[in-house]
Amino acid sequence: MTADDVTYLPEAPAHDLEIEAINEEAFGPGRFVRAAHKIRERGPHERALSFVAVHDGAVIASVRMTRVAAGEGRALMLGPLAVKPAYKNIGIGRRLVKIALEAAEAWGAPAVMLVGDEPYYGPLGFKRIPRGQISMPRPVDLGRLLAVEIQPGAVAALTGMVDHEDQMKVVA
């Protein structure tokens, strides 16, 4: 099986239970205390920019995008990205990230950020956000804050605490 044997679809409400099961398997209960989860729980993800991989009628992987803000900057935060263990290491996760990045660019997102491993995400275009430029609501390894800049200057505009964009509208 290859990543080409899978169907990639926009996320739909019908996928929610399968996505939750995949995230539970991939990240366990510890996912609820992570910095990125703290941001995601403060507002909805963008279903139109979130995708699933389906094989034989079952969701086998997913990626979500959430609108975030930090200072004057705006971006999408990619994650969680999760693939069922039986389908790992064949390119499905990378294909989902590529699809999500293309959708973000078409949507007009200035940048896409994430908390992740540079060896995995670097070849997909992600670069480290300069240390100390942004912070997260819970402890995180600052070397794992990565971003893809879609619009020039967008990553530099991200400064200070990252939060769900909806929370910034409440404060403003």
N, C-alpha and C. Protein backbone atom coordinates (compact mmCIF):
# COMPACT_ATOMS: atom_id res chain seq x y z
N MET A 1 0.84 -1.18 0.00
CA MET A 1 0.00 0.00 0.00
C MET A 1 0.89 1.25 0.00
N THR A 2 0.43 2.27 -0.72
CA THR A 2 1.14 3.55 -0.75
C THR A 2 0.17 4.67 -0.40
N ALA A 3 0.71 5.86 -0.24
CA ALA A 3 -0.12 7.03 0.06
C ALA A 3 -1.10 7.30 -1.09
N ASP A 4 -0.79 6.83 -2.28
CA ASP A 4 -1.69 7.03 -3.43
C ASP A 4 -2.91 6.10 -3.40
N ASP A 5 -2.88 5.07 -2.56
CA ASP A 5 -4.00 4.14 -2.45
C ASP A 5 -5.08 4.64 -1.49
N VAL A 6 -4.91 5.84 -1.00
CA VAL A 6 -5.79 6.42 0.00
C VAL A 6 -6.58 7.56 -0.62
N THR A 7 -7.80 7.76 -0.14
CA THR A 7 -8.61 8.89 -0.58
C THR A 7 -8.48 10.00 0.46
N TYR A 8 -8.23 11.22 0.00
CA TYR A 8 -8.08 12.37 0.88
C TYR A 8 -9.30 13.26 0.71
N LEU A 9 -9.94 13.58 1.83
CA LEU A 9 -11.19 14.32 1.81
C LEU A 9 -11.18 15.45 2.83
N PRO A 10 -11.97 16.51 2.57
CA PRO A 10 -12.17 17.51 3.62
C PRO A 10 -12.86 16.84 4.81
N GLU A 11 -12.49 17.25 5.98
CA GLU A 11 -13.11 16.71 7.19
C GLU A 11 -14.60 17.06 7.23
N ALA A 12 -15.40 16.13 7.69
CA ALA A 12 -16.85 16.33 7.86
C ALA A 12 -17.23 15.91 9.28
N PRO A 13 -18.36 16.42 9.80
CA PRO A 13 -18.78 16.02 11.14
C PRO A 13 -18.87 14.50 11.33
N ALA A 14 -19.19 13.78 10.29
CA ALA A 14 -19.29 12.32 10.38
C ALA A 14 -17.95 11.67 10.72
N HIS A 15 -16.86 12.38 10.53
CA HIS A 15 -15.53 11.84 10.80
C HIS A 15 -15.08 12.03 12.25
N ASP A 16 -15.80 12.84 13.01
CA ASP A 16 -15.34 13.25 14.35
C ASP A 16 -14.98 12.09 15.28
N LEU A 17 -15.82 11.07 15.37
CA LEU A 17 -15.54 9.96 16.30
C LEU A 17 -14.29 9.19 15.88
N GLU A 18 -14.12 8.97 14.59
CA GLU A 18 -12.94 8.25 14.12
C GLU A 18 -11.67 9.09 14.34
N ILE A 19 -11.77 10.41 14.12
CA ILE A 19 -10.63 11.28 14.35
C ILE A 19 -10.24 11.26 15.83
N GLU A 20 -11.21 11.34 16.69
CA GLU A 20 -10.93 11.31 18.13
C GLU A 20 -10.25 10.00 18.52
N ALA A 21 -10.70 8.89 17.95
CA ALA A 21 -10.08 7.60 18.26
C ALA A 21 -8.63 7.55 17.77
N ILE A 22 -8.37 8.10 16.61
CA ILE A 22 -7.00 8.13 16.08
C ILE A 22 -6.11 9.00 16.97
N ASN A 23 -6.61 10.16 17.39
CA ASN A 23 -5.83 11.04 18.27
C ASN A 23 -5.59 10.40 19.63
N GLU A 24 -6.57 9.68 20.14
CA GLU A 24 -6.41 8.97 21.42
C GLU A 24 -5.30 7.93 21.30
N GLU A 25 -5.34 7.18 20.21
CA GLU A 25 -4.33 6.14 20.01
C GLU A 25 -2.94 6.76 19.82
N ALA A 26 -2.87 7.84 19.07
CA ALA A 26 -1.57 8.45 18.76
C ALA A 26 -0.96 9.21 19.93
N PHE A 27 -1.78 9.93 20.70
CA PHE A 27 -1.25 10.84 21.71
C PHE A 27 -1.65 10.51 23.14
N GLY A 28 -2.65 9.64 23.31
CA GLY A 28 -3.09 9.26 24.65
C GLY A 28 -3.69 10.42 25.42
N PRO A 29 -3.96 10.20 26.70
CA PRO A 29 -4.59 11.25 27.50
C PRO A 29 -3.69 12.47 27.73
N GLY A 30 -2.38 12.31 27.54
CA GLY A 30 -1.46 13.43 27.71
C GLY A 30 -1.69 14.55 26.73
N ARG A 31 -2.43 14.29 25.65
CA ARG A 31 -2.68 15.33 24.66
C ARG A 31 -3.46 16.50 25.23
N PHE A 32 -4.23 16.27 26.27
CA PHE A 32 -5.07 17.32 26.84
C PHE A 32 -4.28 18.35 27.65
N VAL A 33 -3.04 18.06 27.98
CA VAL A 33 -2.24 19.02 28.75
C VAL A 33 -1.19 19.72 27.90
N ARG A 34 -1.15 19.44 26.64
CA ARG A 34 -0.18 20.06 25.74
C ARG A 34 -0.57 21.50 25.43
N ALA A 35 0.44 22.31 25.13
CA ALA A 35 0.22 23.73 24.83
C ALA A 35 -0.70 23.93 23.64
N ALA A 36 -0.50 23.16 22.58
CA ALA A 36 -1.33 23.32 21.39
C ALA A 36 -2.80 22.98 21.69
N HIS A 37 -3.02 21.96 22.52
CA HIS A 37 -4.40 21.60 22.88
C HIS A 37 -5.06 22.74 23.65
N LYS A 38 -4.32 23.38 24.52
CA LYS A 38 -4.87 24.51 25.29
C LYS A 38 -5.40 25.59 24.35
N ILE A 39 -4.67 25.86 23.28
CA ILE A 39 -5.13 26.85 22.29
C ILE A 39 -6.35 26.32 21.55
N ARG A 40 -6.28 25.07 21.11
CA ARG A 40 -7.39 24.50 20.32
C ARG A 40 -8.69 24.43 21.10
N GLU A 41 -8.61 24.25 22.41
CA GLU A 41 -9.84 24.14 23.19
C GLU A 41 -10.53 25.49 23.38
N ARG A 42 -9.87 26.58 22.99
CA ARG A 42 -10.44 27.92 23.18
C ARG A 42 -11.25 28.41 21.98
N GLY A 43 -11.40 27.56 20.97
CA GLY A 43 -12.22 27.91 19.81
C GLY A 43 -12.22 26.77 18.81
N PRO A 44 -13.09 26.86 17.82
CA PRO A 44 -13.21 25.75 16.86
C PRO A 44 -12.06 25.69 15.87
N HIS A 45 -11.84 24.51 15.34
CA HIS A 45 -10.89 24.38 14.24
C HIS A 45 -11.62 24.71 12.94
N GLU A 46 -10.86 24.92 11.89
CA GLU A 46 -11.42 25.25 10.59
C GLU A 46 -11.66 23.94 9.82
N ARG A 47 -12.89 23.47 9.89
CA ARG A 47 -13.22 22.18 9.26
C ARG A 47 -12.92 22.21 7.76
N ALA A 48 -13.14 23.34 7.10
CA ALA A 48 -12.90 23.44 5.66
C ALA A 48 -11.42 23.35 5.30
N LEU A 49 -10.54 23.53 6.29
CA LEU A 49 -9.11 23.45 6.07
C LEU A 49 -8.49 22.24 6.76
N SER A 50 -9.35 21.33 7.20
CA SER A 50 -8.93 20.12 7.90
C SER A 50 -9.30 18.92 7.04
N PHE A 51 -8.45 17.89 7.06
CA PHE A 51 -8.61 16.80 6.10
C PHE A 51 -8.43 15.43 6.75
N VAL A 52 -9.01 14.43 6.10
CA VAL A 52 -8.87 13.04 6.53
C VAL A 52 -8.34 12.21 5.38
N ALA A 53 -7.70 11.11 5.74
CA ALA A 53 -7.30 10.08 4.78
C ALA A 53 -8.19 8.88 5.05
N VAL A 54 -8.79 8.34 4.00
CA VAL A 54 -9.74 7.24 4.13
C VAL A 54 -9.25 6.05 3.30
N HIS A 55 -9.32 4.86 3.91
CA HIS A 55 -8.97 3.62 3.20
C HIS A 55 -10.03 2.58 3.55
N ASP A 56 -10.59 1.95 2.55
CA ASP A 56 -11.64 0.95 2.74
C ASP A 56 -12.78 1.48 3.60
N GLY A 57 -13.13 2.75 3.40
CA GLY A 57 -14.28 3.34 4.08
C GLY A 57 -14.02 3.82 5.50
N ALA A 58 -12.78 3.67 6.00
CA ALA A 58 -12.47 4.08 7.38
C ALA A 58 -11.44 5.21 7.37
N VAL A 59 -11.59 6.13 8.31
CA VAL A 59 -10.61 7.20 8.48
C VAL A 59 -9.35 6.58 9.09
N ILE A 60 -8.22 6.79 8.42
CA ILE A 60 -6.97 6.22 8.92
C ILE A 60 -5.97 7.30 9.34
N ALA A 61 -6.30 8.56 9.02
CA ALA A 61 -5.42 9.66 9.40
C ALA A 61 -6.19 10.97 9.30
N SER A 62 -5.70 11.97 10.02
CA SER A 62 -6.35 13.28 9.95
C SER A 62 -5.37 14.39 10.28
N VAL A 63 -5.71 15.58 9.81
CA VAL A 63 -4.98 16.78 10.16
C VAL A 63 -6.00 17.90 10.31
N ARG A 64 -5.80 18.72 11.30
CA ARG A 64 -6.70 19.86 11.53
C ARG A 64 -5.93 21.16 11.50
N MET A 65 -6.66 22.24 11.21
CA MET A 65 -6.11 23.59 11.21
C MET A 65 -6.99 24.46 12.09
N THR A 66 -6.34 25.31 12.88
CA THR A 66 -7.03 26.21 13.80
C THR A 66 -6.49 27.61 13.60
N ARG A 67 -7.37 28.61 13.59
CA ARG A 67 -6.95 30.01 13.46
C ARG A 67 -6.31 30.46 14.76
N VAL A 68 -5.13 31.06 14.67
CA VAL A 68 -4.45 31.57 15.86
C VAL A 68 -3.97 33.00 15.62
N ALA A 69 -3.62 33.65 16.72
CA ALA A 69 -3.10 35.00 16.68
C ALA A 69 -2.02 35.13 17.74
N ALA A 70 -1.04 35.99 17.45
CA ALA A 70 -0.01 36.34 18.42
C ALA A 70 0.44 37.76 18.07
N GLY A 71 0.20 38.69 18.97
CA GLY A 71 0.48 40.09 18.67
C GLY A 71 -0.38 40.54 17.51
N GLU A 72 0.24 41.20 16.54
CA GLU A 72 -0.49 41.65 15.35
C GLU A 72 -0.59 40.55 14.30
N GLY A 73 0.09 39.44 14.51
CA GLY A 73 0.13 38.38 13.51
C GLY A 73 -1.04 37.41 13.60
N ARG A 74 -1.35 36.85 12.47
CA ARG A 74 -2.39 35.83 12.36
C ARG A 74 -1.82 34.66 11.57
N ALA A 75 -2.29 33.46 11.89
CA ALA A 75 -1.82 32.26 11.21
C ALA A 75 -2.83 31.15 11.42
N LEU A 76 -2.56 30.04 10.80
CA LEU A 76 -3.27 28.80 11.11
C LEU A 76 -2.29 27.92 11.87
N MET A 77 -2.79 27.18 12.85
CA MET A 77 -1.96 26.22 13.57
C MET A 77 -2.35 24.84 13.08
N LEU A 78 -1.37 24.13 12.54
CA LEU A 78 -1.59 22.78 12.04
C LEU A 78 -1.47 21.80 13.19
N GLY A 79 -2.45 20.92 13.29
CA GLY A 79 -2.40 19.86 14.28
C GLY A 79 -3.73 19.71 15.01
N PRO A 80 -3.94 18.56 15.54
CA PRO A 80 -3.03 17.44 15.49
C PRO A 80 -3.01 16.76 14.12
N LEU A 81 -1.87 16.18 13.82
CA LEU A 81 -1.69 15.32 12.66
C LEU A 81 -1.49 13.92 13.23
N ALA A 82 -2.34 13.00 12.85
CA ALA A 82 -2.22 11.64 13.39
C ALA A 82 -2.57 10.62 12.32
N VAL A 83 -1.81 9.53 12.32
CA VAL A 83 -2.00 8.43 11.38
C VAL A 83 -2.08 7.14 12.19
N LYS A 84 -3.04 6.28 11.87
CA LYS A 84 -3.12 4.99 12.55
C LYS A 84 -1.81 4.24 12.36
N PRO A 85 -1.33 3.56 13.40
CA PRO A 85 -0.03 2.88 13.33
C PRO A 85 0.16 1.97 12.12
N ALA A 86 -0.84 1.25 11.71
CA ALA A 86 -0.70 0.32 10.58
C ALA A 86 -0.44 1.04 9.26
N TYR A 87 -0.65 2.35 9.23
CA TYR A 87 -0.53 3.11 7.99
C TYR A 87 0.60 4.15 8.04
N LYS A 88 1.44 4.08 9.06
CA LYS A 88 2.53 5.03 9.20
C LYS A 88 3.68 4.70 8.25
N ASN A 89 4.49 5.74 8.01
CA ASN A 89 5.73 5.61 7.24
C ASN A 89 5.54 5.27 5.77
N ILE A 90 4.38 5.63 5.22
CA ILE A 90 4.18 5.44 3.78
C ILE A 90 3.82 6.76 3.10
N GLY A 91 3.85 7.88 3.86
CA GLY A 91 3.64 9.18 3.26
C GLY A 91 2.26 9.79 3.43
N ILE A 92 1.39 9.14 4.16
CA ILE A 92 0.03 9.66 4.33
C ILE A 92 0.03 10.96 5.12
N GLY A 93 0.78 11.02 6.20
CA GLY A 93 0.86 12.25 7.00
C GLY A 93 1.43 13.40 6.19
N ARG A 94 2.50 13.14 5.48
CA ARG A 94 3.10 14.19 4.64
C ARG A 94 2.13 14.67 3.57
N ARG A 95 1.37 13.74 2.99
CA ARG A 95 0.38 14.13 1.98
C ARG A 95 -0.71 14.99 2.61
N LEU A 96 -1.17 14.65 3.81
CA LEU A 96 -2.17 15.47 4.49
C LEU A 96 -1.65 16.88 4.77
N VAL A 97 -0.40 16.99 5.20
CA VAL A 97 0.19 18.30 5.46
C VAL A 97 0.24 19.11 4.17
N LYS A 98 0.66 18.49 3.08
CA LYS A 98 0.74 19.18 1.78
C LYS A 98 -0.65 19.68 1.36
N ILE A 99 -1.65 18.85 1.51
CA ILE A 99 -3.03 19.24 1.17
C ILE A 99 -3.49 20.41 2.04
N ALA A 100 -3.19 20.33 3.34
CA ALA A 100 -3.59 21.39 4.26
C ALA A 100 -2.88 22.70 3.95
N LEU A 101 -1.59 22.63 3.60
CA LEU A 101 -0.85 23.85 3.25
C LEU A 101 -1.39 24.48 1.97
N GLU A 102 -1.73 23.66 0.99
CA GLU A 102 -2.31 24.18 -0.25
C GLU A 102 -3.65 24.85 0.03
N ALA A 103 -4.46 24.24 0.89
CA ALA A 103 -5.76 24.82 1.25
C ALA A 103 -5.57 26.13 2.00
N ALA A 104 -4.59 26.18 2.90
CA ALA A 104 -4.31 27.40 3.66
C ALA A 104 -3.92 28.54 2.73
N GLU A 105 -3.08 28.24 1.76
CA GLU A 105 -2.66 29.27 0.82
C GLU A 105 -3.84 29.76 -0.01
N ALA A 106 -4.67 28.84 -0.50
CA ALA A 106 -5.85 29.22 -1.29
C ALA A 106 -6.83 30.04 -0.45
N TRP A 107 -6.89 29.76 0.84
CA TRP A 107 -7.79 30.45 1.77
C TRP A 107 -7.30 31.86 2.08
N GLY A 108 -6.01 32.08 1.85
CA GLY A 108 -5.42 33.39 2.12
C GLY A 108 -4.75 33.50 3.47
N ALA A 109 -4.44 32.37 4.09
CA ALA A 109 -3.75 32.40 5.39
C ALA A 109 -2.37 33.01 5.22
N PRO A 110 -1.95 33.86 6.15
CA PRO A 110 -0.62 34.46 6.04
C PRO A 110 0.52 33.49 6.34
N ALA A 111 0.26 32.53 7.24
CA ALA A 111 1.28 31.57 7.64
C ALA A 111 0.60 30.37 8.28
N VAL A 112 1.36 29.29 8.40
CA VAL A 112 0.91 28.10 9.12
C VAL A 112 2.00 27.76 10.12
N MET A 113 1.62 27.60 11.38
CA MET A 113 2.59 27.26 12.42
C MET A 113 2.20 25.93 13.05
N LEU A 114 3.12 25.37 13.82
CA LEU A 114 2.83 24.14 14.54
C LEU A 114 3.87 23.92 15.62
N VAL A 115 3.59 22.96 16.47
CA VAL A 115 4.57 22.47 17.43
C VAL A 115 4.92 21.07 16.94
N GLY A 116 6.17 20.88 16.50
CA GLY A 116 6.52 19.59 15.94
C GLY A 116 8.00 19.41 15.74
N ASP A 117 8.35 18.27 15.18
CA ASP A 117 9.74 17.90 14.98
C ASP A 117 10.26 18.44 13.65
N GLU A 118 11.32 19.23 13.73
CA GLU A 118 11.90 19.82 12.53
C GLU A 118 12.36 18.78 11.50
N PRO A 119 12.93 17.65 11.92
CA PRO A 119 13.33 16.66 10.91
C PRO A 119 12.14 16.17 10.06
N TYR A 120 10.96 16.09 10.64
CA TYR A 120 9.77 15.66 9.90
C TYR A 120 9.19 16.81 9.08
N TYR A 121 8.97 17.95 9.72
CA TYR A 121 8.27 19.05 9.07
C TYR A 121 9.17 19.95 8.22
N GLY A 122 10.47 19.97 8.48
CA GLY A 122 11.39 20.81 7.71
C GLY A 122 11.32 20.54 6.21
N PRO A 123 11.37 19.29 5.78
CA PRO A 123 11.27 19.01 4.34
C PRO A 123 9.93 19.43 3.72
N LEU A 124 8.94 19.69 4.57
CA LEU A 124 7.63 20.13 4.08
C LEU A 124 7.55 21.65 4.04
N GLY A 125 8.66 22.33 4.34
CA GLY A 125 8.72 23.79 4.23
C GLY A 125 8.70 24.54 5.55
N PHE A 126 8.59 23.85 6.67
CA PHE A 126 8.54 24.52 7.97
C PHE A 126 9.94 24.86 8.45
N LYS A 127 10.04 26.06 9.05
CA LYS A 127 11.29 26.53 9.63
C LYS A 127 11.03 26.95 11.07
N ARG A 128 12.09 26.93 11.88
CA ARG A 128 11.94 27.34 13.28
C ARG A 128 11.54 28.81 13.37
N ILE A 129 10.62 29.07 14.28
CA ILE A 129 10.28 30.46 14.61
C ILE A 129 11.39 30.92 15.57
N PRO A 130 11.94 32.10 15.37
CA PRO A 130 13.04 32.54 16.24
C PRO A 130 12.68 32.41 17.73
N ARG A 131 13.61 31.84 18.46
CA ARG A 131 13.42 31.59 19.90
C ARG A 131 13.04 32.88 20.62
N GLY A 132 11.97 32.82 21.39
CA GLY A 132 11.53 33.96 22.18
C GLY A 132 10.57 34.89 21.45
N GLN A 133 10.36 34.68 20.17
CA GLN A 133 9.44 35.55 19.41
C GLN A 133 7.99 35.32 19.82
N ILE A 134 7.63 34.05 20.04
CA ILE A 134 6.28 33.73 20.50
C ILE A 134 6.38 32.85 21.73
N SER A 135 5.30 32.77 22.47
CA SER A 135 5.22 31.86 23.60
C SER A 135 3.88 31.15 23.55
N MET A 136 3.81 30.07 24.28
CA MET A 136 2.61 29.24 24.29
C MET A 136 2.01 29.25 25.69
N PRO A 137 0.72 28.93 25.81
CA PRO A 137 0.05 29.00 27.11
C PRO A 137 0.46 27.92 28.10
N ARG A 138 1.22 26.96 27.65
CA ARG A 138 1.77 25.93 28.53
C ARG A 138 3.21 25.68 28.09
N PRO A 139 4.02 25.04 28.93
CA PRO A 139 5.41 24.81 28.56
C PRO A 139 5.54 24.03 27.25
N VAL A 140 6.51 24.45 26.44
CA VAL A 140 6.78 23.78 25.17
C VAL A 140 8.25 24.00 24.83
N ASP A 141 8.86 23.05 24.18
CA ASP A 141 10.23 23.19 23.70
C ASP A 141 10.21 24.22 22.57
N LEU A 142 10.83 25.38 22.80
CA LEU A 142 10.78 26.47 21.82
C LEU A 142 11.42 26.09 20.49
N GLY A 143 12.27 25.10 20.48
CA GLY A 143 12.87 24.62 19.24
C GLY A 143 11.90 23.85 18.37
N ARG A 144 10.73 23.54 18.91
CA ARG A 144 9.71 22.80 18.16
C ARG A 144 8.64 23.71 17.58
N LEU A 145 8.77 25.03 17.76
CA LEU A 145 7.81 25.97 17.18
C LEU A 145 8.27 26.28 15.76
N LEU A 146 7.50 25.81 14.81
CA LEU A 146 7.85 25.89 13.40
C LEU A 146 6.77 26.60 12.62
N ALA A 147 7.13 27.17 11.47
CA ALA A 147 6.13 27.85 10.64
C ALA A 147 6.53 27.81 9.17
N VAL A 148 5.50 27.89 8.34
CA VAL A 148 5.65 28.12 6.91
C VAL A 148 5.06 29.49 6.64
N GLU A 149 5.84 30.35 6.03
CA GLU A 149 5.36 31.69 5.71
C GLU A 149 4.74 31.66 4.31
N ILE A 150 3.48 32.07 4.22
CA ILE A 150 2.79 32.14 2.93
C ILE A 150 2.85 33.56 2.39
N GLN A 151 2.62 34.53 3.27
CA GLN A 151 2.70 35.94 2.88
C GLN A 151 3.96 36.53 3.52
N PRO A 152 4.76 37.27 2.75
CA PRO A 152 6.00 37.84 3.29
C PRO A 152 5.76 38.65 4.58
N GLY A 153 6.59 38.39 5.57
CA GLY A 153 6.51 39.11 6.84
C GLY A 153 5.51 38.55 7.83
N ALA A 154 4.76 37.53 7.43
CA ALA A 154 3.70 37.00 8.31
C ALA A 154 4.25 36.36 9.58
N VAL A 155 5.35 35.63 9.47
CA VAL A 155 5.90 34.98 10.66
C VAL A 155 6.49 36.02 11.61
N ALA A 156 7.14 37.05 11.09
CA ALA A 156 7.70 38.10 11.94
C ALA A 156 6.60 38.84 12.70
N ALA A 157 5.40 38.89 12.15
CA ALA A 157 4.28 39.58 12.81
C ALA A 157 3.73 38.79 13.99
N LEU A 158 4.06 37.51 14.08
CA LEU A 158 3.62 36.68 15.21
C LEU A 158 4.55 36.96 16.38
N THR A 159 4.03 37.64 17.40
CA THR A 159 4.85 37.99 18.57
C THR A 159 4.03 37.81 19.83
N GLY A 160 4.70 37.38 20.89
CA GLY A 160 4.03 37.24 22.17
C GLY A 160 3.27 35.92 22.29
N MET A 161 2.25 35.94 23.13
CA MET A 161 1.49 34.73 23.44
C MET A 161 0.58 34.33 22.28
N VAL A 162 0.64 33.06 21.90
CA VAL A 162 -0.23 32.51 20.87
C VAL A 162 -1.55 32.11 21.53
N ASP A 163 -2.65 32.46 20.88
CA ASP A 163 -3.98 32.08 21.38
C ASP A 163 -4.88 31.83 20.18
N HIS A 164 -6.02 31.23 20.43
CA HIS A 164 -7.02 31.06 19.37
C HIS A 164 -7.44 32.45 18.91
N GLU A 165 -7.56 32.63 17.63
CA GLU A 165 -7.92 33.96 17.11
C GLU A 165 -9.24 34.47 17.68
N ASP A 166 -10.19 33.60 17.93
CA ASP A 166 -11.47 34.04 18.49
C ASP A 166 -11.29 34.73 19.83
N GLN A 167 -10.29 34.32 20.61
CA GLN A 167 -10.05 34.93 21.92
C GLN A 167 -9.49 36.33 21.76
N MET A 168 -8.76 36.57 20.69
CA MET A 168 -8.21 37.91 20.44
C MET A 168 -9.33 38.87 20.11
N LYS A 169 -10.36 38.40 19.43
CA LYS A 169 -11.48 39.25 19.09
C LYS A 169 -12.27 39.64 20.34
N VAL A 170 -12.33 38.73 21.30
CA VAL A 170 -13.03 38.99 22.55
C VAL A 170 -12.33 40.10 23.33
N VAL A 171 -11.00 40.04 23.35
CA VAL A 171 -10.19 41.00 24.11
C VAL A 171 -10.20 42.37 23.43
N ALA A 172 -10.14 42.37 22.11
CA ALA A 172 -10.02 43.63 21.37
C ALA A 172 -11.25 44.51 21.47
